[in-house]
C-alpha atoms as a PDB file:
ATOM      1  CA  UNK A   1       3.658  -1.760 -24.855  1.00  0.00           C
ATOM      2  CA  UNK A   2       1.294   1.144 -24.255  1.00  0.00           C
ATOM      3  CA  UNK A   3       0.037   0.970 -27.801  1.00  0.00           C
ATOM      4  CA  UNK A   4      -0.789  -2.688 -27.452  1.00  0.00           C
ATOM      5  CA  UNK A   5      -2.783  -2.083 -24.227  1.00  0.00           C
ATOM      6  CA  UNK A   6      -4.710   0.694 -25.903  1.00  0.00           C
ATOM      7  CA  UNK A   7      -5.798  -1.700 -28.660  1.00  0.00           C
ATOM      8  CA  UNK A   8      -6.954  -4.324 -26.164  1.00  0.00           C
ATOM      9  CA  UNK A   9      -8.570  -2.207 -23.446  1.00  0.00           C
ATOM     10  CA  UNK A  10     -10.839   0.767 -23.178  1.00  0.00           C
ATOM     11  CA  UNK A  11      -9.563   3.916 -21.478  1.00  0.00           C
ATOM     12  CA  UNK A  12     -10.627   3.886 -17.847  1.00  0.00           C
ATOM     13  CA  UNK A  13     -10.122   0.059 -17.552  1.00  0.00           C
ATOM     14  CA  UNK A  14      -8.151  -1.527 -14.704  1.00  0.00           C
ATOM     15  CA  UNK A  15      -4.857  -3.127 -15.705  1.00  0.00           C
ATOM     16  CA  UNK A  16      -2.956  -5.714 -13.670  1.00  0.00           C
ATOM     17  CA  UNK A  17       0.798  -5.892 -14.127  1.00  0.00           C
ATOM     18  CA  UNK A  18       2.672  -9.121 -13.276  1.00  0.00           C
ATOM     19  CA  UNK A  19       6.270  -8.141 -14.169  1.00  0.00           C
ATOM     20  CA  UNK A  20       9.326 -10.382 -14.151  1.00  0.00           C
ATOM     21  CA  UNK A  21      13.038  -9.937 -14.158  1.00  0.00           C
ATOM     22  CA  UNK A  22      14.199  -6.286 -14.229  1.00  0.00           C
ATOM     23  CA  UNK A  23      10.721  -5.021 -15.031  1.00  0.00           C
ATOM     24  CA  UNK A  24       9.726  -5.488 -11.371  1.00  0.00           C
ATOM     25  CA  UNK A  25      12.027  -2.475 -10.625  1.00  0.00           C
ATOM     26  CA  UNK A  26      10.164  -0.170 -13.024  1.00  0.00           C
ATOM     27  CA  UNK A  27       7.039   1.955 -12.365  1.00  0.00           C
ATOM     28  CA  UNK A  28       5.130   0.400 -15.262  1.00  0.00           C
ATOM     29  CA  UNK A  29       1.957   2.164 -14.119  1.00  0.00           C
ATOM     30  CA  UNK A  30       3.670   5.457 -15.116  1.00  0.00           C
ATOM     31  CA  UNK A  31       4.983   4.408 -18.570  1.00  0.00           C
ATOM     32  CA  UNK A  32       4.704   6.816 -21.419  1.00  0.00           C
ATOM     33  CA  UNK A  33       5.744  10.254 -22.490  1.00  0.00           C
ATOM     34  CA  UNK A  34       6.110  13.153 -20.110  1.00  0.00           C
ATOM     35  CA  UNK A  35       6.751  15.838 -22.741  1.00  0.00           C
ATOM     36  CA  UNK A  36       4.653  18.940 -22.773  1.00  0.00           C
ATOM     37  CA  UNK A  37       1.056  18.342 -24.027  1.00  0.00           C
ATOM     38  CA  UNK A  38       1.560  14.588 -23.997  1.00  0.00           C
ATOM     39  CA  UNK A  39      -0.125  11.876 -21.957  1.00  0.00           C
ATOM     40  CA  UNK A  40       1.234   8.857 -20.135  1.00  0.00           C
ATOM     41  CA  UNK A  41      -0.290   5.497 -19.253  1.00  0.00           C
ATOM     42  CA  UNK A  42      -1.757   6.669 -15.866  1.00  0.00           C
ATOM     43  CA  UNK A  43      -3.956   9.204 -17.714  1.00  0.00           C
ATOM     44  CA  UNK A  44      -5.857   6.394 -19.377  1.00  0.00           C
ATOM     45  CA  UNK A  45      -5.727   3.330 -17.132  1.00  0.00           C
ATOM     46  CA  UNK A  46      -5.942   2.358 -13.463  1.00  0.00           C
ATOM     47  CA  UNK A  47      -2.979   0.034 -12.688  1.00  0.00           C
ATOM     48  CA  UNK A  48      -2.511  -2.694 -10.095  1.00  0.00           C
ATOM     49  CA  UNK A  49       0.281  -5.213  -9.571  1.00  0.00           C
ATOM     50  CA  UNK A  50       0.532  -8.771  -8.414  1.00  0.00           C
ATOM     51  CA  UNK A  51       3.660 -10.605  -7.499  1.00  0.00           C
ATOM     52  CA  UNK A  52       2.232 -13.814  -9.048  1.00  0.00           C
ATOM     53  CA  UNK A  53      -0.999 -14.748 -10.816  1.00  0.00           C
ATOM     54  CA  UNK A  54      -1.725 -17.272  -8.078  1.00  0.00           C
ATOM     55  CA  UNK A  55      -1.654 -14.500  -5.407  1.00  0.00           C
ATOM     56  CA  UNK A  56      -4.245 -12.430  -7.424  1.00  0.00           C
ATOM     57  CA  UNK A  57      -6.504 -15.487  -7.892  1.00  0.00           C
ATOM     58  CA  UNK A  58      -6.397 -16.295  -4.154  1.00  0.00           C
ATOM     59  CA  UNK A  59      -7.270 -12.705  -3.353  1.00  0.00           C
ATOM     60  CA  UNK A  60     -10.289 -12.796  -5.573  1.00  0.00           C
ATOM     61  CA  UNK A  61     -11.452 -16.209  -4.318  1.00  0.00           C
ATOM     62  CA  UNK A  62     -11.260 -15.084  -0.669  1.00  0.00           C
ATOM     63  CA  UNK A  63     -13.431 -12.115  -1.318  1.00  0.00           C
ATOM     64  CA  UNK A  64     -16.689 -13.916  -0.482  1.00  0.00           C
ATOM     65  CA  UNK A  65     -15.157 -15.274   2.757  1.00  0.00           C
ATOM     66  CA  UNK A  66     -14.396 -11.694   3.811  1.00  0.00           C
ATOM     67  CA  UNK A  67     -17.921 -10.639   3.102  1.00  0.00           C
ATOM     68  CA  UNK A  68     -19.328 -13.393   5.270  1.00  0.00           C
ATOM     69  CA  UNK A  69     -17.091 -12.423   8.203  1.00  0.00           C
ATOM     70  CA  UNK A  70     -18.135 -10.098  10.966  1.00  0.00           C
ATOM     71  CA  UNK A  71     -17.892  -6.264  10.680  1.00  0.00           C
ATOM     72  CA  UNK A  72     -14.249  -5.266   9.922  1.00  0.00           C
ATOM     73  CA  UNK A  73     -12.162  -3.173  12.300  1.00  0.00           C
ATOM     74  CA  UNK A  74      -9.481  -0.574  11.328  1.00  0.00           C
ATOM     75  CA  UNK A  75      -6.110   0.147  13.012  1.00  0.00           C
ATOM     76  CA  UNK A  76      -3.573   2.862  12.212  1.00  0.00           C
ATOM     77  CA  UNK A  77      -0.102   2.236  13.452  1.00  0.00           C
ATOM     78  CA  UNK A  78       2.128   5.302  13.465  1.00  0.00           C
ATOM     79  CA  UNK A  79       5.783   5.317  14.514  1.00  0.00           C
ATOM     80  CA  UNK A  80       7.419   8.678  13.870  1.00  0.00           C
ATOM     81  CA  UNK A  81      10.120   8.377  16.555  1.00  0.00           C
ATOM     82  CA  UNK A  82      11.671   4.916  16.338  1.00  0.00           C
ATOM     83  CA  UNK A  83      14.464   3.885  18.650  1.00  0.00           C
ATOM     84  CA  UNK A  84      16.809   4.030  15.592  1.00  0.00           C
ATOM     85  CA  UNK A  85      16.280   6.059  12.472  1.00  0.00           C
ATOM     86  CA  UNK A  86      15.204   9.516  11.316  1.00  0.00           C
ATOM     87  CA  UNK A  87      12.183  11.052  12.915  1.00  0.00           C
ATOM     88  CA  UNK A  88       9.055  11.354  10.753  1.00  0.00           C
ATOM     89  CA  UNK A  89       7.466  14.703  11.741  1.00  0.00           C
ATOM     90  CA  UNK A  90       4.160  14.235   9.921  1.00  0.00           C
ATOM     91  CA  UNK A  91       3.128  10.778  11.130  1.00  0.00           C
ATOM     92  CA  UNK A  92       0.798  12.002  13.876  1.00  0.00           C
ATOM     93  CA  UNK A  93      -1.005  14.384  11.540  1.00  0.00           C
ATOM     94  CA  UNK A  94      -1.422  11.615   8.955  1.00  0.00           C
ATOM     95  CA  UNK A  95      -2.875   9.144  11.465  1.00  0.00           C
ATOM     96  CA  UNK A  96      -5.230  11.860  12.721  1.00  0.00           C
ATOM     97  CA  UNK A  97      -6.385  12.390   9.181  1.00  0.00           C
ATOM     98  CA  UNK A  98      -6.988   8.692   8.658  1.00  0.00           C
ATOM     99  CA  UNK A  99      -9.001   8.612  11.825  1.00  0.00           C
ATOM    100  CA  UNK A 100     -11.103  11.522  10.662  1.00  0.00           C
ATOM    101  CA  UNK A 101     -12.110   9.649   7.580  1.00  0.00           C
ATOM    102  CA  UNK A 102     -12.573   6.174   9.047  1.00  0.00           C
ATOM    103  CA  UNK A 103     -14.047   6.762  12.519  1.00  0.00           C
ATOM    104  CA  UNK A 104     -17.565   7.493  11.277  1.00  0.00           C
ATOM    105  CA  UNK A 105     -17.648   4.203   9.331  1.00  0.00           C
ATOM    106  CA  UNK A 106     -15.679   1.492  11.108  1.00  0.00           C
ATOM    107  CA  UNK A 107     -14.479   0.786  14.663  1.00  0.00           C
ATOM    108  CA  UNK A 108     -11.107   2.537  14.729  1.00  0.00           C
ATOM    109  CA  UNK A 109      -8.012   2.016  16.874  1.00  0.00           C
ATOM    110  CA  UNK A 110      -4.648   3.776  16.702  1.00  0.00           C
ATOM    111  CA  UNK A 111      -1.240   2.794  18.047  1.00  0.00           C
ATOM    112  CA  UNK A 112       1.089   5.729  18.301  1.00  0.00           C
ATOM    113  CA  UNK A 113       4.746   6.208  19.257  1.00  0.00           C
ATOM    114  CA  UNK A 114       5.534   4.338  22.552  1.00  0.00           C
ATOM    115  CA  UNK A 115       2.459   2.164  22.065  1.00  0.00           C
ATOM    116  CA  UNK A 116       3.581   1.162  18.583  1.00  0.00           C
ATOM    117  CA  UNK A 117       5.831  -1.760  19.637  1.00  0.00           C
ATOM    118  CA  UNK A 118       6.488  -4.952  17.736  1.00  0.00           C
ATOM    119  CA  UNK A 119       4.229  -7.086  19.896  1.00  0.00           C
ATOM    120  CA  UNK A 120       1.384  -4.568  20.066  1.00  0.00           C
ATOM    121  CA  UNK A 121       1.545  -4.130  16.275  1.00  0.00           C
ATOM    122  CA  UNK A 122       1.323  -7.921  15.805  1.00  0.00           C
ATOM    123  CA  UNK A 123      -1.558  -8.121  18.206  1.00  0.00           C
ATOM    124  CA  UNK A 124      -3.337  -5.301  16.330  1.00  0.00           C
ATOM    125  CA  UNK A 125      -2.802  -6.996  13.006  1.00  0.00           C
ATOM    126  CA  UNK A 126      -4.430 -10.148  14.343  1.00  0.00           C
ATOM    127  CA  UNK A 127      -7.495  -8.235  15.545  1.00  0.00           C
ATOM    128  CA  UNK A 128      -8.062  -5.716  12.645  1.00  0.00           C
ATOM    129  CA  UNK A 129      -8.905  -6.410   9.035  1.00  0.00           C
ATOM    130  CA  UNK A 130      -7.956  -2.941   7.775  1.00  0.00           C
ATOM    131  CA  UNK A 131      -4.449  -1.495   8.511  1.00  0.00           C
ATOM    132  CA  UNK A 132      -2.718   1.792   7.863  1.00  0.00           C
ATOM    133  CA  UNK A 133       1.003   1.687   8.717  1.00  0.00           C
ATOM    134  CA  UNK A 134       2.877   5.040   8.840  1.00  0.00           C
ATOM    135  CA  UNK A 135       6.552   4.384   9.715  1.00  0.00           C
ATOM    136  CA  UNK A 136       9.943   3.593   8.241  1.00  0.00           C
ATOM    137  CA  UNK A 137      10.160   0.595   5.863  1.00  0.00           C
ATOM    138  CA  UNK A 138      13.473  -1.211   6.002  1.00  0.00           C
ATOM    139  CA  UNK A 139      14.222  -3.530   3.044  1.00  0.00           C
ATOM    140  CA  UNK A 140      16.919  -6.113   3.557  1.00  0.00           C
ATOM    141  CA  UNK A 141      18.333  -6.934   0.096  1.00  0.00           C
ATOM    142  CA  UNK A 142      20.561  -9.839   1.351  1.00  0.00           C
ATOM    143  CA  UNK A 143      17.909 -11.378   3.607  1.00  0.00           C
ATOM    144  CA  UNK A 144      14.528 -10.304   2.184  1.00  0.00           C
ATOM    145  CA  UNK A 145      12.542 -12.162   4.809  1.00  0.00           C
ATOM    146  CA  UNK A 146      14.221  -9.897   7.397  1.00  0.00           C
ATOM    147  CA  UNK A 147      12.795  -6.753   5.745  1.00  0.00           C
ATOM    148  CA  UNK A 148      10.787  -4.867   8.316  1.00  0.00           C
ATOM    149  CA  UNK A 149       8.723  -1.937   9.489  1.00  0.00           C
ATOM    150  CA  UNK A 150      10.419   0.071  12.231  1.00  0.00           C
ATOM    151  CA  UNK A 151       8.556   0.069  15.549  1.00  0.00           C
ATOM    152  CA  UNK A 152       9.388   1.794  18.780  1.00  0.00           C
ATOM    153  CA  UNK A 153      11.354  -1.140  20.191  1.00  0.00           C
ATOM    154  CA  UNK A 154      12.760  -2.647  17.066  1.00  0.00           C
ATOM    155  CA  UNK A 155      11.894  -4.135  13.610  1.00  0.00           C
ATOM    156  CA  UNK A 156       8.570  -5.766  12.792  1.00  0.00           C
ATOM    157  CA  UNK A 157       9.897  -8.299  10.244  1.00  0.00           C
ATOM    158  CA  UNK A 158       8.159  -9.971   7.323  1.00  0.00           C
ATOM    159  CA  UNK A 159       8.685 -13.304   9.043  1.00  0.00           C
ATOM    160  CA  UNK A 160       6.803 -12.033  12.108  1.00  0.00           C
ATOM    161  CA  UNK A 161       3.823 -11.079  10.016  1.00  0.00           C
ATOM    162  CA  UNK A 162       3.724 -14.272   7.940  1.00  0.00           C
ATOM    163  CA  UNK A 163       4.085 -16.508  10.977  1.00  0.00           C
ATOM    164  CA  UNK A 164       1.172 -14.780  12.685  1.00  0.00           C
ATOM    165  CA  UNK A 165      -1.332 -16.417  10.316  1.00  0.00           C
ATOM    166  CA  UNK A 166      -3.675 -13.434  10.382  1.00  0.00           C
ATOM    167  CA  UNK A 167      -7.297 -14.551  10.478  1.00  0.00           C
ATOM    168  CA  UNK A 168      -9.175 -12.229   8.156  1.00  0.00           C
ATOM    169  CA  UNK A 169      -6.908  -9.521   6.707  1.00  0.00           C
ATOM    170  CA  UNK A 170      -8.393  -7.322   4.009  1.00  0.00           C
ATOM    171  CA  UNK A 171      -6.567  -4.023   3.224  1.00  0.00           C
ATOM    172  CA  UNK A 172      -3.193  -2.485   4.131  1.00  0.00           C
ATOM    173  CA  UNK A 173      -1.834   0.959   3.298  1.00  0.00           C
ATOM    174  CA  UNK A 174       1.895   0.936   3.802  1.00  0.00           C
ATOM    175  CA  UNK A 175       2.894   4.534   4.229  1.00  0.00           C
ATOM    176  CA  UNK A 176       6.576   3.717   4.362  1.00  0.00           C
ATOM    177  CA  UNK A 177       9.587   3.700   1.989  1.00  0.00           C
ATOM    178  CA  UNK A 178      10.611   0.906  -0.370  1.00  0.00           C
ATOM    179  CA  UNK A 179       7.738  -1.463   0.373  1.00  0.00           C
ATOM    180  CA  UNK A 180       6.859  -2.812  -3.140  1.00  0.00           C
ATOM    181  CA  UNK A 181      10.298  -3.565  -4.764  1.00  0.00           C
ATOM    182  CA  UNK A 182      12.909  -6.240  -4.079  1.00  0.00           C
ATOM    183  CA  UNK A 183      16.626  -5.892  -4.870  1.00  0.00           C
ATOM    184  CA  UNK A 184      18.108  -5.468  -8.326  1.00  0.00           C
ATOM    185  CA  UNK A 185      20.405  -8.473  -7.766  1.00  0.00           C
ATOM    186  CA  UNK A 186      17.359 -10.835  -7.530  1.00  0.00           C
ATOM    187  CA  UNK A 187      14.413  -9.045  -9.093  1.00  0.00           C
ATOM    188  CA  UNK A 188      12.499 -12.263  -9.770  1.00  0.00           C
ATOM    189  CA  UNK A 189      12.217 -12.949  -6.055  1.00  0.00           C
ATOM    190  CA  UNK A 190       8.887 -11.204  -5.218  1.00  0.00           C
ATOM    191  CA  UNK A 191       9.740 -10.951  -1.548  1.00  0.00           C
ATOM    192  CA  UNK A 192       9.185  -7.446  -0.283  1.00  0.00           C
ATOM    193  CA  UNK A 193       7.062  -5.822   2.397  1.00  0.00           C
ATOM    194  CA  UNK A 194       3.903  -5.346   0.310  1.00  0.00           C
ATOM    195  CA  UNK A 195       4.096  -8.782  -1.175  1.00  0.00           C
ATOM    196  CA  UNK A 196       4.456 -10.249   2.374  1.00  0.00           C
ATOM    197  CA  UNK A 197       1.280  -8.546   3.385  1.00  0.00           C
ATOM    198  CA  UNK A 198      -0.493 -10.059   0.421  1.00  0.00           C
ATOM    199  CA  UNK A 199       0.926 -13.542   0.991  1.00  0.00           C
ATOM    200  CA  UNK A 200      -0.310 -13.124   4.627  1.00  0.00           C
ATOM    201  CA  UNK A 201      -3.877 -12.754   3.312  1.00  0.00           C
ATOM    202  CA  UNK A 202      -4.390  -9.042   2.650  1.00  0.00           C
ATOM    203  CA  UNK A 203      -6.412  -8.772  -0.599  1.00  0.00           C
ATOM    204  CA  UNK A 204      -5.503  -5.227  -1.354  1.00  0.00           C
ATOM    205  CA  UNK A 205      -2.264  -3.445  -0.532  1.00  0.00           C
ATOM    206  CA  UNK A 206      -0.772   0.009  -1.316  1.00  0.00           C
ATOM    207  CA  UNK A 207       2.950   0.486  -1.015  1.00  0.00           C
ATOM    208  CA  UNK A 208       5.858   2.526  -2.348  1.00  0.00           C
ATOM    209  CA  UNK A 209       8.555   1.809  -4.886  1.00  0.00           C
ATOM    210  CA  UNK A 210      11.150   4.179  -3.408  1.00  0.00           C
ATOM    211  CA  UNK A 211      11.475   6.912  -0.697  1.00  0.00           C
ATOM    212  CA  UNK A 212       8.353   8.812   0.135  1.00  0.00           C
ATOM    213  CA  UNK A 213       8.264  12.433   1.235  1.00  0.00           C
ATOM    214  CA  UNK A 214       6.840  12.535   4.741  1.00  0.00           C
ATOM    215  CA  UNK A 215       4.805  15.655   4.074  1.00  0.00           C
ATOM    216  CA  UNK A 216       3.661  14.828   0.550  1.00  0.00           C
ATOM    217  CA  UNK A 217       2.492  11.323   1.480  1.00  0.00           C
ATOM    218  CA  UNK A 218       0.067  12.902   3.971  1.00  0.00           C
ATOM    219  CA  UNK A 219      -1.634  14.820   1.141  1.00  0.00           C
ATOM    220  CA  UNK A 220      -1.964  11.647  -0.954  1.00  0.00           C
ATOM    221  CA  UNK A 221      -3.324   9.679   2.083  1.00  0.00           C
ATOM    222  CA  UNK A 222      -5.937  12.345   2.767  1.00  0.00           C
ATOM    223  CA  UNK A 223      -7.050  12.409  -0.942  1.00  0.00           C
ATOM    224  CA  UNK A 224      -7.021   8.590  -1.029  1.00  0.00           C
ATOM    225  CA  UNK A 225      -9.406   8.111   1.913  1.00  0.00           C
ATOM    226  CA  UNK A 226     -11.667  10.879   0.633  1.00  0.00           C
ATOM    227  CA  UNK A 227     -12.114   8.681  -2.474  1.00  0.00           C
ATOM    228  CA  UNK A 228     -12.296   5.425  -0.571  1.00  0.00           C
ATOM    229  CA  UNK A 229     -15.247   6.627   1.520  1.00  0.00           C
ATOM    230  CA  UNK A 230     -16.948   8.842  -0.986  1.00  0.00           C
ATOM    231  CA  UNK A 231     -20.750   9.130  -0.968  1.00  0.00           C
ATOM    232  CA  UNK A 232     -21.315   5.461  -0.185  1.00  0.00           C
ATOM    233  CA  UNK A 233     -20.243   5.838   3.416  1.00  0.00           C
ATOM    234  CA  UNK A 234     -18.578   2.371   3.162  1.00  0.00           C
ATOM    235  CA  UNK A 235     -15.132   1.013   2.772  1.00  0.00           C
ATOM    236  CA  UNK A 236     -14.492  -1.643   0.099  1.00  0.00           C
ATOM    237  CA  UNK A 237     -10.933  -2.813  -0.525  1.00  0.00           C
ATOM    238  CA  UNK A 238     -11.752  -3.474  -4.200  1.00  0.00           C
ATOM    239  CA  UNK A 239     -11.931   0.295  -4.648  1.00  0.00           C
ATOM    240  CA  UNK A 240      -8.376   0.990  -3.426  1.00  0.00           C
ATOM    241  CA  UNK A 241      -6.748   1.136  -6.929  1.00  0.00           C
ATOM    242  CA  UNK A 242      -9.318   3.502  -8.226  1.00  0.00           C
ATOM    243  CA  UNK A 243      -9.064   5.674  -5.024  1.00  0.00           C
ATOM    244  CA  UNK A 244      -5.339   5.897  -5.360  1.00  0.00           C
ATOM    245  CA  UNK A 245      -5.563   6.823  -9.014  1.00  0.00           C
ATOM    246  CA  UNK A 246      -7.991   9.608  -8.337  1.00  0.00           C
ATOM    247  CA  UNK A 247      -5.938  10.937  -5.452  1.00  0.00           C
ATOM    248  CA  UNK A 248      -2.812  11.217  -7.579  1.00  0.00           C
ATOM    249  CA  UNK A 249      -4.679  12.770 -10.504  1.00  0.00           C
ATOM    250  CA  UNK A 250      -6.112  15.386  -8.104  1.00  0.00           C
ATOM    251  CA  UNK A 251      -2.630  16.296  -6.744  1.00  0.00           C
ATOM    252  CA  UNK A 252      -0.726  15.965 -10.023  1.00  0.00           C
ATOM    253  CA  UNK A 253       0.073  19.616 -10.318  1.00  0.00           C
ATOM    254  CA  UNK A 254       0.853  20.077  -6.622  1.00  0.00           C
ATOM    255  CA  UNK A 255       3.425  17.394  -5.882  1.00  0.00           C
ATOM    256  CA  UNK A 256       6.769  16.447  -7.540  1.00  0.00           C
ATOM    257  CA  UNK A 257       6.697  13.859 -10.305  1.00  0.00           C
ATOM    258  CA  UNK A 258       8.640  11.216  -8.384  1.00  0.00           C
ATOM    259  CA  UNK A 259       6.081  11.424  -5.615  1.00  0.00           C
ATOM    260  CA  UNK A 260       3.189  11.210  -8.059  1.00  0.00           C
ATOM    261  CA  UNK A 261       4.321   7.733  -9.187  1.00  0.00           C
ATOM    262  CA  UNK A 262       5.962   6.411  -6.071  1.00  0.00           C
ATOM    263  CA  UNK A 263       2.852   4.589  -4.728  1.00  0.00           C
ATOM    264  CA  UNK A 264       1.353   1.514  -6.410  1.00  0.00           C
ATOM    265  CA  UNK A 265      -1.423  -0.944  -5.662  1.00  0.00           C
ATOM    266  CA  UNK A 266      -1.185  -4.666  -5.302  1.00  0.00           C
ATOM    267  CA  UNK A 267      -4.096  -7.080  -5.357  1.00  0.00           C
ATOM    268  CA  UNK A 268      -7.824  -6.908  -6.047  1.00  0.00           C
END
C-alpha cells in the first residue's frame, strides 16, 4: 500500500483515507516500518480521513459559504471533573494554553467545570464556529448515536449535536478518548463522535482513535495551535491536518509511540 502511494504522490502531499470494513479500526496514517533507521508513512505524507466521500465533498463545497460568513468565534469547553468518571487533572492548563494562542486572533470564550453543562455546551456550539473540547469521550458500541462527551451534569450525546442544526460550524478539536473509531462489531458504520461533528457541518475535525494521555495531549495541543496560528496571525481550518502533522513530528522523540499516532484529522 505504501509503495503504491509513493508512486502516485510526491512526498509532502496530503492523503485522504476513506477506509471500509476492519480498516476503519487501523491507524493507516501511521503505516510502515518502525524498525531502527526506517521510516513510516507519516514521515512522507500528511494524512486525513473522511467517513464517506460525500462528506468530504460537502465540506469542500461549503468552504466558500464559511468565507462569506461573519467573523468566526472560538469556544473552548473543558470538563475535568465530571459528575461521573475519572478526573482529568490537566484540562484547565490545556484550555488556558488554547486561550493564549487564540485570544489575540479571534473572539474567545471558555466554559469550564461547573459552567460546562450539556445545555451551555449546546448553546456555545450554536454561537461559535471554532470549538475545542477537552473532556471524556464516551463511545457507545451498542447504540452509537448515544455516544457522548461528558459534561458536568451528564452526557452531551451525538444526537443532541446533530439535532441542534448548527448554523456555521467550521473546526473542532476533540481532546477526548475514542472519538474517531466505531466498534469492531460494525466497523462499516461510520458513526462516532468525530464523524458526528463532521455530519453536523464541521469541515475540519481532529479526534483520537483510542485513549489519550491527559498530560501528553496538552503538549500536542500547544504545538498544534502554534502551527495553526504561525506567522500569518490567522486561523484557517484547511491548515489543521498540516498543523497536527508538524506538531507530532516536533514531539516525536518526547512522547510515547501510541500517543504519537493516537490523533487523526477528518475533513478538509
